[in-house]
Amino acid sequence: MSAKIQTEQYFAALERLKARRAVISNDAVAMEAGKGRGSIKSSRPAHAALVAAIEEAAKAQRAFAVTADPVPGLRAEVDELTRRLDQSLEREVALLHELYDLRSRTKALGEENLRLKMGRLVPVK
């Protein structure tokens, strides 16, 4: 079989793999073309264009897989939102404690003010 026909079979196999969105590698293209693993060699001048096309398709496939899979980005966003929620809840609890302390001090000062108005002395601390 001539090298040109063989290369055309490999290119057709590459296109089929792209269409199926299967994992693209030299061995995968060779197997899809009905040849054995390792039959595509980058050292062969006839396969130079094929190897370049396979590498480009594999690179595009990896880039697409990174952009198509939103799970890692969503997980990071969920972690960030959880962290921010925990911080805001801690801040809320701290403010509630401060509010209760201020209310109790206000109540104590109001009672002391009432005693002073009535003429009763408050023991000096």
C-alpha atoms as a PDB file:
ATOM      1  CA  MET A   1       0.000   0.000   0.000  1.00  0.00           C
ATOM      2  CA  SER A   2       1.379   3.389  -0.902  1.00  0.00           C
ATOM      3  CA  ALA A   3       2.325   5.904   1.747  1.00  0.00           C
ATOM      4  CA  LYS A   4      -0.167   8.419   0.337  1.00  0.00           C
ATOM      5  CA  ILE A   5      -3.147   6.067   0.680  1.00  0.00           C
ATOM      6  CA  GLN A   6      -2.003   5.029   4.145  1.00  0.00           C
ATOM      7  CA  THR A   7      -1.681   8.665   5.211  1.00  0.00           C
ATOM      8  CA  GLU A   8      -5.158   9.387   3.860  1.00  0.00           C
ATOM      9  CA  GLN A   9      -6.516   6.511   5.965  1.00  0.00           C
ATOM     10  CA  TYR A  10      -4.832   7.951   9.013  1.00  0.00           C
ATOM     11  CA  PHE A  11      -6.296  11.410   8.342  1.00  0.00           C
ATOM     12  CA  ALA A  12      -9.765   9.879   7.883  1.00  0.00           C
ATOM     13  CA  ALA A  13      -9.320   8.021  11.178  1.00  0.00           C
ATOM     14  CA  LEU A  14      -8.280  11.282  12.854  1.00  0.00           C
ATOM     15  CA  GLU A  15     -11.442  12.992  11.582  1.00  0.00           C
ATOM     16  CA  ARG A  16     -13.586  10.120  12.912  1.00  0.00           C
ATOM     17  CA  LEU A  17     -11.950  10.422  16.328  1.00  0.00           C
ATOM     18  CA  LYS A  18     -12.552  14.164  16.322  1.00  0.00           C
ATOM     19  CA  ALA A  19     -16.208  13.642  15.432  1.00  0.00           C
ATOM     20  CA  ARG A  20     -16.638  11.092  18.243  1.00  0.00           C
ATOM     21  CA  ARG A  21     -14.684  13.298  20.664  1.00  0.00           C
ATOM     22  CA  ALA A  22     -12.572  10.284  21.560  1.00  0.00           C
ATOM     23  CA  VAL A  23      -9.103  10.568  23.057  1.00  0.00           C
ATOM     24  CA  ILE A  24      -6.695  11.560  20.303  1.00  0.00           C
ATOM     25  CA  SER A  25      -3.159  10.179  20.196  1.00  0.00           C
ATOM     26  CA  ASN A  26      -0.862   8.596  17.639  1.00  0.00           C
ATOM     27  CA  ASP A  27      -1.840   5.114  18.828  1.00  0.00           C
ATOM     28  CA  ALA A  28      -5.565   5.918  18.858  1.00  0.00           C
ATOM     29  CA  VAL A  29      -5.410   7.185  15.272  1.00  0.00           C
ATOM     30  CA  ALA A  30      -3.451   4.112  14.195  1.00  0.00           C
ATOM     31  CA  MET A  31      -5.928   1.752  15.870  1.00  0.00           C
ATOM     32  CA  GLU A  32      -8.876   3.626  14.336  1.00  0.00           C
ATOM     33  CA  ALA A  33      -7.262   3.255  10.903  1.00  0.00           C
ATOM     34  CA  GLY A  34      -6.971  -0.496  11.461  1.00  0.00           C
ATOM     35  CA  LYS A  35      -3.213  -0.483  11.965  1.00  0.00           C
ATOM     36  CA  GLY A  36      -1.130  -1.496  14.949  1.00  0.00           C
ATOM     37  CA  ARG A  37      -0.015   0.665  17.826  1.00  0.00           C
ATOM     38  CA  GLY A  38       3.189   2.497  17.087  1.00  0.00           C
ATOM     39  CA  SER A  39       2.672   2.420  13.333  1.00  0.00           C
ATOM     40  CA  ILE A  40       2.620   6.233  13.215  1.00  0.00           C
ATOM     41  CA  LYS A  41       6.193   7.396  13.709  1.00  0.00           C
ATOM     42  CA  SER A  42       7.224  11.012  13.944  1.00  0.00           C
ATOM     43  CA  SER A  43      10.603  10.044  12.478  1.00  0.00           C
ATOM     44  CA  ARG A  44       9.011   9.100   9.139  1.00  0.00           C
ATOM     45  CA  PRO A  45       8.906  12.037   6.713  1.00  0.00           C
ATOM     46  CA  ALA A  46       5.593  10.820   5.266  1.00  0.00           C
ATOM     47  CA  HIS A  47       3.994  11.089   8.706  1.00  0.00           C
ATOM     48  CA  ALA A  48       5.253  14.593   9.578  1.00  0.00           C
ATOM     49  CA  ALA A  49       2.031  16.363   8.565  1.00  0.00           C
ATOM     50  CA  LEU A  50      -0.067  13.640  10.195  1.00  0.00           C
ATOM     51  CA  VAL A  51       1.827  13.849  13.503  1.00  0.00           C
ATOM     52  CA  ALA A  52       1.465  17.646  13.468  1.00  0.00           C
ATOM     53  CA  ALA A  53      -2.280  17.342  12.822  1.00  0.00           C
ATOM     54  CA  ILE A  54      -2.649  14.772  15.629  1.00  0.00           C
ATOM     55  CA  GLU A  55      -0.749  16.984  18.087  1.00  0.00           C
ATOM     56  CA  GLU A  56      -2.862  19.995  17.120  1.00  0.00           C
ATOM     57  CA  ALA A  57      -6.106  18.027  17.515  1.00  0.00           C
ATOM     58  CA  ALA A  58      -4.996  16.630  20.884  1.00  0.00           C
ATOM     59  CA  LYS A  59      -4.065  20.120  22.073  1.00  0.00           C
ATOM     60  CA  ALA A  60      -7.442  21.510  20.970  1.00  0.00           C
ATOM     61  CA  GLN A  61      -9.166  18.591  22.685  1.00  0.00           C
ATOM     62  CA  ARG A  62      -7.353  19.286  25.976  1.00  0.00           C
ATOM     63  CA  ALA A  63      -8.206  22.989  25.762  1.00  0.00           C
ATOM     64  CA  PHE A  64     -11.851  22.163  25.067  1.00  0.00           C
ATOM     65  CA  ALA A  65     -11.957  19.720  27.974  1.00  0.00           C
ATOM     66  CA  VAL A  66     -10.663  22.389  30.354  1.00  0.00           C
ATOM     67  CA  THR A  67     -13.216  24.975  29.220  1.00  0.00           C
ATOM     68  CA  ALA A  68     -16.077  22.484  28.915  1.00  0.00           C
ATOM     69  CA  ASP A  69     -15.745  21.090  32.445  1.00  0.00           C
ATOM     70  CA  PRO A  70     -17.188  23.729  34.807  1.00  0.00           C
ATOM     71  CA  VAL A  71     -16.954  21.536  37.915  1.00  0.00           C
ATOM     72  CA  PRO A  72     -13.519  22.660  39.176  1.00  0.00           C
ATOM     73  CA  GLY A  73     -14.403  26.310  38.716  1.00  0.00           C
ATOM     74  CA  LEU A  74     -17.759  25.825  40.399  1.00  0.00           C
ATOM     75  CA  ARG A  75     -16.158  23.975  43.301  1.00  0.00           C
ATOM     76  CA  ALA A  76     -13.734  26.840  43.814  1.00  0.00           C
ATOM     77  CA  GLU A  77     -16.612  29.302  43.701  1.00  0.00           C
ATOM     78  CA  VAL A  78     -18.609  27.249  46.228  1.00  0.00           C
ATOM     79  CA  ASP A  79     -15.575  27.114  48.534  1.00  0.00           C
ATOM     80  CA  GLU A  80     -15.118  30.880  48.274  1.00  0.00           C
ATOM     81  CA  LEU A  81     -18.795  31.535  48.955  1.00  0.00           C
ATOM     82  CA  THR A  82     -18.746  29.141  51.926  1.00  0.00           C
ATOM     83  CA  ARG A  83     -15.718  30.929  53.350  1.00  0.00           C
ATOM     84  CA  ARG A  84     -17.390  34.314  52.921  1.00  0.00           C
ATOM     85  CA  LEU A  85     -20.610  33.031  54.512  1.00  0.00           C
ATOM     86  CA  ASP A  86     -18.687  31.723  57.518  1.00  0.00           C
ATOM     87  CA  GLN A  87     -16.933  35.069  57.901  1.00  0.00           C
ATOM     88  CA  SER A  88     -20.204  36.987  57.730  1.00  0.00           C
ATOM     89  CA  LEU A  89     -21.843  34.668  60.280  1.00  0.00           C
ATOM     90  CA  GLU A  90     -18.904  35.146  62.644  1.00  0.00           C
ATOM     91  CA  ARG A  91     -19.215  38.906  62.217  1.00  0.00           C
ATOM     92  CA  GLU A  92     -22.962  38.678  62.872  1.00  0.00           C
ATOM     93  CA  VAL A  93     -22.447  36.703  66.098  1.00  0.00           C
ATOM     94  CA  ALA A  94     -19.806  39.168  67.291  1.00  0.00           C
ATOM     95  CA  LEU A  95     -22.182  42.070  66.631  1.00  0.00           C
ATOM     96  CA  LEU A  96     -24.988  40.308  68.516  1.00  0.00           C
ATOM     97  CA  HIS A  97     -22.713  39.823  71.530  1.00  0.00           C
ATOM     98  CA  GLU A  98     -21.761  43.475  71.415  1.00  0.00           C
ATOM     99  CA  LEU A  99     -25.441  44.462  71.126  1.00  0.00           C
ATOM    100  CA  TYR A 100     -26.398  42.385  74.190  1.00  0.00           C
ATOM    101  CA  ASP A 101     -23.484  43.841  76.175  1.00  0.00           C
ATOM    102  CA  LEU A 102     -24.460  47.393  75.238  1.00  0.00           C
ATOM    103  CA  ARG A 103     -28.125  46.771  76.086  1.00  0.00           C
ATOM    104  CA  SER A 104     -27.207  45.385  79.509  1.00  0.00           C
ATOM    105  CA  ARG A 105     -24.902  48.379  80.178  1.00  0.00           C
ATOM    106  CA  THR A 106     -27.644  50.772  79.040  1.00  0.00           C
ATOM    107  CA  LYS A 107     -30.137  49.073  81.319  1.00  0.00           C
ATOM    108  CA  ALA A 108     -27.703  49.242  84.254  1.00  0.00           C
ATOM    109  CA  LEU A 109     -26.971  52.916  83.587  1.00  0.00           C
ATOM    110  CA  GLY A 110     -30.700  53.659  83.302  1.00  0.00           C
ATOM    111  CA  GLU A 111     -31.350  51.990  86.656  1.00  0.00           C
ATOM    112  CA  GLU A 112     -28.452  53.915  88.223  1.00  0.00           C
ATOM    113  CA  ASN A 113     -29.776  57.156  86.738  1.00  0.00           C
ATOM    114  CA  LEU A 114     -33.225  56.411  88.157  1.00  0.00           C
ATOM    115  CA  ARG A 115     -31.764  55.774  91.641  1.00  0.00           C
ATOM    116  CA  LEU A 116     -29.828  59.040  91.474  1.00  0.00           C
ATOM    117  CA  LYS A 117     -32.967  60.958  90.476  1.00  0.00           C
ATOM    118  CA  MET A 118     -34.824  59.431  93.393  1.00  0.00           C
ATOM    119  CA  GLY A 119     -32.089  60.538  95.764  1.00  0.00           C
ATOM    120  CA  ARG A 120     -30.735  57.154  96.617  1.00  0.00           C
ATOM    121  CA  LEU A 121     -26.998  56.948  96.634  1.00  0.00           C
ATOM    122  CA  VAL A 122     -25.145  54.349  94.744  1.00  0.00           C
ATOM    123  CA  PRO A 123     -22.160  52.762  96.471  1.00  0.00           C
ATOM    124  CA  VAL A 124     -18.854  54.002  95.052  1.00  0.00           C
ATOM    125  CA  LYS A 125     -16.900  51.381  93.281  1.00  0.00           C
END
